[in-house]
Amino acid sequence: MKKVHAGYLRAASVSVTAAAVVLAGCASGGGDTQSGGKTGGEQTEILVAAAASLEYAFEEELIPLFEEAHPGVTVRGTYDSSGKLQTQIEEGMEADVFMSAARQQMDSLAEEGFVDGDSVADLLDNQIVLITPADNEAGLASFTDLTKADTIAVGDPASVPAGQYAREALTDLGLWDQVLAKASLGTNVTEVLNWVAEGSAQAGIVYATDAATTDRVKVIAPAPEGSLEEPAVYPAGLVADSAHPKEAQAFLKFLRSGEAVEVFESYGFTVHEEKE
């Protein structure tokens, strides 16, 4: 609480000497406190860098739920392809938490010392699916039909995990080179989804959770069984140079809570379980 300086009311008259009335002010440090030891109005902001496919779940439900339970902490999210976020963290982005859509980016950051490796946990799985505009004018019925499409959208495998999974599945099917020749490469999975939804691409490959966010696309099929070595795995970890490690750890703990799991599942994610 800010200190309010005492003021003085002075009144004078010819027959009465001047008198001063001191108005009581708030003593410094005497304000009420919020839970967590924060003084009223004081906030700690943490920055969460997360894969684009997590934006809806984070912004619509998870961040508000966390902030409600931690009134002294605000969370700001930044969303893009995991590869772009990796580069930004390496270049000094002051993030506190990183959650990627593949292990590759997280593992690289941990090996380089940008992420605390001991804090990393695989939280979620997602599914890669083939989508078309809602009318499916190209008449696609499976991944192997992709070659019938004239325009195809996939994430850039150089930086977008969804694109890396798409390349893996299509390579397994012997179709990657044919698809690549017709493909527009998106900078993140949201861009791929939007291209298909607006009809500028006849087909695309995105996460099942992204496809579920709009009725403007139709899910044709998941990636064929065996075409991917493992499902899309989402690890989360603490950025090593976090300025607010206590609050960042609290957010990571929240993401593993039953309350958060229910939210993730409502958006189509599944909880990751390690194979024995």
Protein backbone atom coordinates (compact mmCIF):
# COMPACT_ATOMS: atom_id res chain seq x y z
CA MET A 1 0.00 0.00 0.00
CA LYS A 2 1.36 3.44 -0.84
CA LYS A 3 2.15 5.78 2.03
CA VAL A 4 -0.27 8.73 2.27
CA HIS A 5 1.49 11.79 3.59
CA ALA A 6 -0.23 13.73 6.39
CA GLY A 7 -1.72 17.03 5.30
CA TYR A 8 -2.47 20.10 7.32
CA LEU A 9 -5.59 22.25 7.49
CA ARG A 10 -4.73 25.74 8.53
CA ALA A 11 -7.28 28.36 9.58
CA ALA A 12 -6.44 31.90 10.63
CA SER A 13 -8.38 34.77 12.05
CA VAL A 14 -7.49 38.19 13.45
CA SER A 15 -8.45 37.13 16.99
CA VAL A 16 -7.37 33.49 16.99
CA THR A 17 -3.87 32.19 16.36
CA ALA A 18 -3.36 29.80 13.47
CA ALA A 19 -4.16 26.15 14.26
CA ALA A 20 -3.09 23.06 12.36
CA VAL A 21 -5.11 19.89 12.09
CA VAL A 22 -3.15 16.82 11.08
CA LEU A 23 -5.01 14.28 8.98
CA ALA A 24 -4.00 10.69 9.81
CA GLY A 25 -2.33 8.83 6.97
CA CYS A 26 -1.69 5.19 6.29
CA ALA A 27 1.49 3.96 7.92
CA SER A 28 3.99 2.44 5.56
CA GLY A 29 3.76 -1.38 5.51
CA GLY A 30 0.45 -1.48 7.30
CA GLY A 31 -1.69 -2.80 4.43
CA ASP A 32 -3.63 -6.03 4.26
CA THR A 33 -1.95 -9.02 2.65
CA GLN A 34 -3.25 -11.50 0.11
CA SER A 35 -2.73 -15.25 0.31
CA GLY A 36 0.83 -16.30 -0.45
CA GLY A 37 2.29 -13.35 1.48
CA LYS A 38 1.80 -10.78 -1.30
CA THR A 39 0.88 -7.29 -0.17
CA GLY A 40 -2.34 -5.91 -1.60
CA GLY A 41 -1.95 -5.15 -5.31
CA GLU A 42 1.49 -6.75 -5.60
CA GLN A 43 1.71 -9.36 -8.36
CA THR A 44 4.35 -11.70 -9.70
CA GLU A 45 4.04 -12.42 -13.43
CA ILE A 46 5.42 -15.58 -14.97
CA LEU A 47 5.78 -16.22 -18.68
CA VAL A 48 4.79 -19.63 -20.02
CA ALA A 49 6.09 -20.54 -23.49
CA ALA A 50 3.85 -23.28 -24.86
CA ALA A 51 3.19 -25.11 -28.11
CA ALA A 52 0.51 -23.47 -30.25
CA SER A 53 -1.79 -26.48 -29.82
CA LEU A 54 -2.04 -25.71 -26.09
CA GLU A 55 -3.31 -22.15 -26.45
CA TYR A 56 -7.04 -22.80 -26.12
CA ALA A 57 -6.71 -25.02 -23.06
CA PHE A 58 -4.31 -22.62 -21.37
CA GLU A 59 -6.06 -19.34 -22.12
CA GLU A 60 -9.67 -20.45 -21.73
CA GLU A 61 -9.38 -22.55 -18.59
CA LEU A 62 -5.99 -23.50 -17.13
CA ILE A 63 -4.48 -20.05 -16.60
CA PRO A 64 -7.68 -18.61 -15.07
CA LEU A 65 -7.95 -21.61 -12.73
CA PHE A 66 -4.34 -21.25 -11.60
CA GLU A 67 -4.61 -17.49 -11.08
CA GLU A 68 -7.79 -17.95 -9.03
CA ALA A 69 -5.95 -20.35 -6.72
CA HIS A 70 -2.83 -18.14 -6.60
CA PRO A 71 -4.05 -14.52 -6.31
CA GLY A 72 -0.52 -13.15 -6.05
CA VAL A 73 0.55 -14.62 -9.40
CA THR A 74 -0.43 -13.75 -12.96
CA VAL A 75 0.44 -15.96 -15.92
CA ARG A 76 1.15 -14.69 -19.42
CA GLY A 77 1.27 -17.21 -22.24
CA THR A 78 3.17 -17.04 -25.51
CA TYR A 79 2.35 -19.67 -28.13
CA ASP A 80 4.10 -20.82 -31.28
CA SER A 81 5.78 -23.86 -32.77
CA SER A 82 7.98 -25.66 -30.26
CA GLY A 83 11.00 -25.10 -32.50
CA LYS A 84 10.48 -21.34 -32.60
CA LEU A 85 10.01 -21.19 -28.84
CA GLN A 86 13.19 -23.23 -28.37
CA THR A 87 15.12 -20.70 -30.44
CA GLN A 88 13.61 -17.78 -28.54
CA ILE A 89 14.59 -19.31 -25.19
CA GLU A 90 18.12 -19.91 -26.48
CA GLU A 91 18.26 -16.27 -27.57
CA GLY A 92 17.26 -14.99 -24.14
CA MET A 93 13.47 -14.90 -23.93
CA GLU A 94 12.70 -14.48 -20.22
CA ALA A 95 10.31 -17.40 -19.96
CA ASP A 96 9.71 -19.27 -16.72
CA VAL A 97 8.03 -22.46 -18.00
CA PHE A 98 8.35 -24.27 -21.33
CA MET A 99 5.87 -26.88 -22.59
CA SER A 100 6.55 -28.33 -26.00
CA ALA A 101 4.69 -30.64 -28.35
CA ALA A 102 7.63 -33.02 -28.73
CA ARG A 103 10.56 -34.26 -26.67
CA GLN A 104 13.16 -33.10 -29.21
CA GLN A 105 12.98 -29.40 -28.37
CA MET A 106 12.81 -29.97 -24.62
CA ASP A 107 15.71 -32.42 -24.67
CA SER A 108 17.86 -29.97 -26.64
CA LEU A 109 17.19 -27.15 -24.19
CA ALA A 110 17.91 -29.40 -21.21
CA GLU A 111 21.19 -30.59 -22.73
CA GLU A 112 22.22 -26.98 -23.39
CA GLY A 113 21.36 -25.95 -19.83
CA PHE A 114 18.46 -23.67 -20.74
CA VAL A 115 15.91 -25.93 -19.02
CA ASP A 116 16.30 -27.64 -15.65
CA GLY A 117 16.37 -31.27 -16.71
CA ASP A 118 15.32 -32.52 -13.28
CA SER A 119 12.06 -30.56 -13.57
CA VAL A 120 11.00 -32.02 -16.93
CA ALA A 121 8.05 -34.42 -17.04
CA ASP A 122 6.11 -35.88 -19.96
CA LEU A 123 2.53 -34.81 -19.28
CA LEU A 124 0.33 -35.41 -22.32
CA ASP A 125 -0.15 -37.34 -25.54
CA ASN A 126 -1.86 -36.09 -28.67
CA GLN A 127 -2.85 -37.67 -31.97
CA ILE A 128 -1.95 -36.68 -35.52
CA VAL A 129 -4.92 -36.58 -37.89
CA LEU A 130 -5.65 -35.88 -41.53
CA ILE A 131 -8.19 -33.08 -42.03
CA THR A 132 -10.02 -31.49 -44.94
CA PRO A 133 -12.40 -28.54 -45.19
CA ALA A 134 -15.82 -29.53 -43.86
CA ASP A 135 -17.17 -30.30 -47.35
CA ASN A 136 -14.21 -32.59 -48.25
CA GLU A 137 -14.63 -31.84 -51.95
CA ALA A 138 -11.47 -33.80 -52.74
CA GLY A 139 -13.16 -36.94 -51.45
CA LEU A 140 -10.25 -38.06 -49.26
CA ALA A 141 -10.82 -41.09 -47.05
CA SER A 142 -7.37 -41.94 -45.64
CA PHE A 143 -3.76 -40.80 -45.34
CA THR A 144 -2.93 -42.73 -48.52
CA ASP A 145 -5.44 -40.55 -50.40
CA LEU A 146 -3.36 -37.44 -49.75
CA THR A 147 -1.77 -37.70 -53.18
CA LYS A 148 -5.20 -36.99 -54.70
CA ALA A 149 -5.26 -33.49 -53.16
CA ASP A 150 -3.94 -30.59 -55.22
CA THR A 151 -3.06 -28.42 -52.22
CA ILE A 152 -1.81 -29.75 -48.89
CA ALA A 153 -0.83 -27.99 -45.66
CA VAL A 154 1.62 -29.39 -43.12
CA GLY A 155 3.80 -27.86 -40.45
CA ASP A 156 7.40 -27.14 -41.42
CA PRO A 157 9.31 -30.18 -40.13
CA ALA A 158 12.32 -27.97 -39.45
CA SER A 159 10.59 -26.34 -36.47
CA VAL A 160 7.03 -27.63 -36.08
CA PRO A 161 6.55 -30.93 -34.20
CA ALA A 162 3.24 -31.61 -35.98
CA GLY A 163 5.16 -31.33 -39.24
CA GLN A 164 7.83 -33.69 -37.94
CA TYR A 165 5.19 -36.25 -37.03
CA ALA A 166 3.52 -35.77 -40.43
CA ARG A 167 6.82 -36.38 -42.20
CA GLU A 168 7.47 -39.48 -40.09
CA ALA A 169 4.05 -40.98 -40.84
CA LEU A 170 4.14 -40.15 -44.55
CA THR A 171 7.70 -41.41 -44.90
CA ASP A 172 6.59 -44.70 -43.35
CA LEU A 173 3.79 -44.82 -45.96
CA GLY A 174 6.20 -43.95 -48.80
CA LEU A 175 4.31 -40.72 -49.57
CA TRP A 176 6.44 -37.92 -48.12
CA ASP A 177 8.16 -36.81 -51.32
CA GLN A 178 4.86 -36.73 -53.25
CA VAL A 179 3.13 -34.75 -50.51
CA LEU A 180 6.04 -32.35 -50.06
CA ALA A 181 5.90 -31.44 -53.75
CA LYS A 182 2.36 -30.10 -53.24
CA ALA A 183 2.69 -28.86 -49.68
CA SER A 184 2.60 -25.42 -48.12
CA LEU A 185 4.66 -25.46 -44.93
CA GLY A 186 3.09 -23.71 -41.95
CA THR A 187 5.08 -21.95 -39.25
CA ASN A 188 2.94 -23.62 -36.58
CA VAL A 189 0.03 -26.04 -36.37
CA THR A 190 -2.54 -23.26 -35.95
CA GLU A 191 -1.56 -21.81 -39.31
CA VAL A 192 -2.01 -25.22 -40.95
CA LEU A 193 -5.44 -25.58 -39.36
CA ASN A 194 -6.50 -22.13 -40.57
CA TRP A 195 -5.38 -22.82 -44.15
CA VAL A 196 -7.57 -25.91 -44.29
CA ALA A 197 -10.50 -24.25 -42.50
CA GLU A 198 -10.55 -21.35 -44.97
CA GLY A 199 -10.24 -23.70 -47.95
CA SER A 200 -6.87 -22.57 -49.23
CA ALA A 201 -5.66 -26.15 -48.74
CA GLN A 202 -7.66 -29.27 -49.62
CA ALA A 203 -6.03 -31.29 -46.86
CA GLY A 204 -3.76 -30.88 -43.89
CA ILE A 205 -2.20 -32.74 -40.99
CA VAL A 206 -2.71 -31.36 -37.48
CA TYR A 207 -3.27 -32.54 -33.93
CA ALA A 208 -6.65 -34.01 -33.07
CA THR A 209 -7.03 -31.34 -30.37
CA ASP A 210 -6.67 -28.55 -32.94
CA ALA A 211 -9.19 -30.13 -35.29
CA ALA A 212 -11.68 -30.28 -32.43
CA THR A 213 -11.64 -26.48 -32.00
CA THR A 214 -13.61 -25.75 -35.20
CA ASP A 215 -16.46 -27.23 -37.23
CA ARG A 216 -14.92 -25.79 -40.39
CA VAL A 217 -12.70 -28.84 -40.81
CA LYS A 218 -13.45 -32.56 -40.99
CA VAL A 219 -11.25 -35.24 -39.45
CA ILE A 220 -10.70 -37.93 -42.06
CA ALA A 221 -8.41 -40.35 -40.24
CA PRO A 222 -5.70 -40.62 -37.58
CA ALA A 223 -2.16 -41.48 -38.59
CA PRO A 224 -2.11 -45.18 -39.50
CA GLU A 225 -1.16 -47.52 -36.70
CA GLY A 226 2.57 -48.18 -36.71
CA SER A 227 3.41 -45.16 -38.86
CA LEU A 228 4.67 -43.25 -35.82
CA GLU A 229 7.23 -44.62 -33.40
CA GLU A 230 5.33 -42.96 -30.53
CA PRO A 231 2.43 -40.55 -30.11
CA ALA A 232 2.98 -36.81 -29.89
CA VAL A 233 4.33 -36.33 -26.38
CA TYR A 234 4.11 -33.01 -24.49
CA PRO A 235 6.80 -32.45 -21.84
CA ALA A 236 6.89 -29.44 -19.51
CA GLY A 237 9.81 -28.03 -17.57
CA LEU A 238 11.28 -25.09 -15.67
CA VAL A 239 13.42 -22.64 -17.62
CA ALA A 240 16.77 -22.65 -15.82
CA ASP A 241 17.12 -18.86 -15.60
CA SER A 242 13.56 -18.27 -14.42
CA ALA A 243 13.32 -15.11 -12.34
CA HIS A 244 10.40 -16.64 -10.44
CA PRO A 245 11.24 -20.33 -9.87
CA LYS A 246 8.89 -20.75 -6.91
CA GLU A 247 5.86 -19.55 -8.87
CA ALA A 248 6.96 -21.44 -11.99
CA GLN A 249 7.26 -24.66 -10.01
CA ALA A 250 3.78 -24.07 -8.61
CA PHE A 251 2.43 -23.77 -12.16
CA LEU A 252 4.19 -26.99 -13.21
CA LYS A 253 2.72 -28.76 -10.18
CA PHE A 254 -0.73 -27.44 -11.13
CA LEU A 255 -0.39 -28.83 -14.67
CA ARG A 256 0.00 -32.31 -13.14
CA SER A 257 -3.03 -31.92 -10.86
CA GLY A 258 -6.29 -33.78 -11.29
CA GLU A 259 -8.06 -30.48 -11.99
CA ALA A 260 -5.70 -29.69 -14.88
CA VAL A 261 -5.88 -33.24 -16.23
CA GLU A 262 -9.66 -32.93 -16.50
CA VAL A 263 -9.25 -29.75 -18.52
CA PHE A 264 -6.65 -31.28 -20.84
CA GLU A 265 -8.86 -34.31 -21.42
CA SER A 266 -11.83 -32.08 -22.23
CA TYR A 267 -9.72 -30.58 -25.04
CA GLY A 268 -8.85 -34.01 -26.43
CA PHE A 269 -5.45 -34.65 -24.87
CA THR A 270 -4.67 -37.85 -23.01
CA VAL A 271 -2.43 -38.28 -20.00
CA HIS A 272 0.97 -39.67 -20.93
CA GLU A 273 1.81 -43.05 -19.46
CA GLU A 274 5.30 -44.46 -19.66
CA LYS A 275 5.59 -47.84 -21.34
CA GLU A 276 6.91 -50.61 -19.15
